[in-house]
Amino acid sequence: GTFETFKNYYADHYIKRDGKERHITELNEEDAIEFLDSRPDDKPFALMVSFFATHAEDGTVDQYRPQDRSKHLYANETVPIPRTATEKHFKAMPHFLQNPENYGRSRWEERYSTPELYQ
């Protein structure tokens, strides 16, 4: 087959492995290193690691959940209001994106519609 090894994580920033609650980024790192350490030295390989934790976690109050060891990187940062977060820019979007029933639009509203939400 095309892929001989495949590990997929989806939807949760923290999952249990070996009885311990662990951040998904830590598991991504661990699995990539395990692959590199165990692959045959005499065969070519390709490794692709896509980090899930850059995505919001739907259905949680705290939708962005960084791992504890990186939280200090954001402690004193303020995210500025995007210059495109204006009524003018919104009206310039295709009509289907302006529709409040559009899933992408409702996600934007619940995550970014006020400065408090995207901090």
Foldseek 3Di string as FASTA:
>chain_A
DVDPDDDDDDQDQWDDDPNDTDGQVVVLVVVVVVCVVPPDPVDDDDDDGDGPQVFFRPPDLRRRDDDPVCPVVCPPDADDQDPCPDPVNLVPDPPLLVPCVNPVNVVCCQQPVDSVRPD
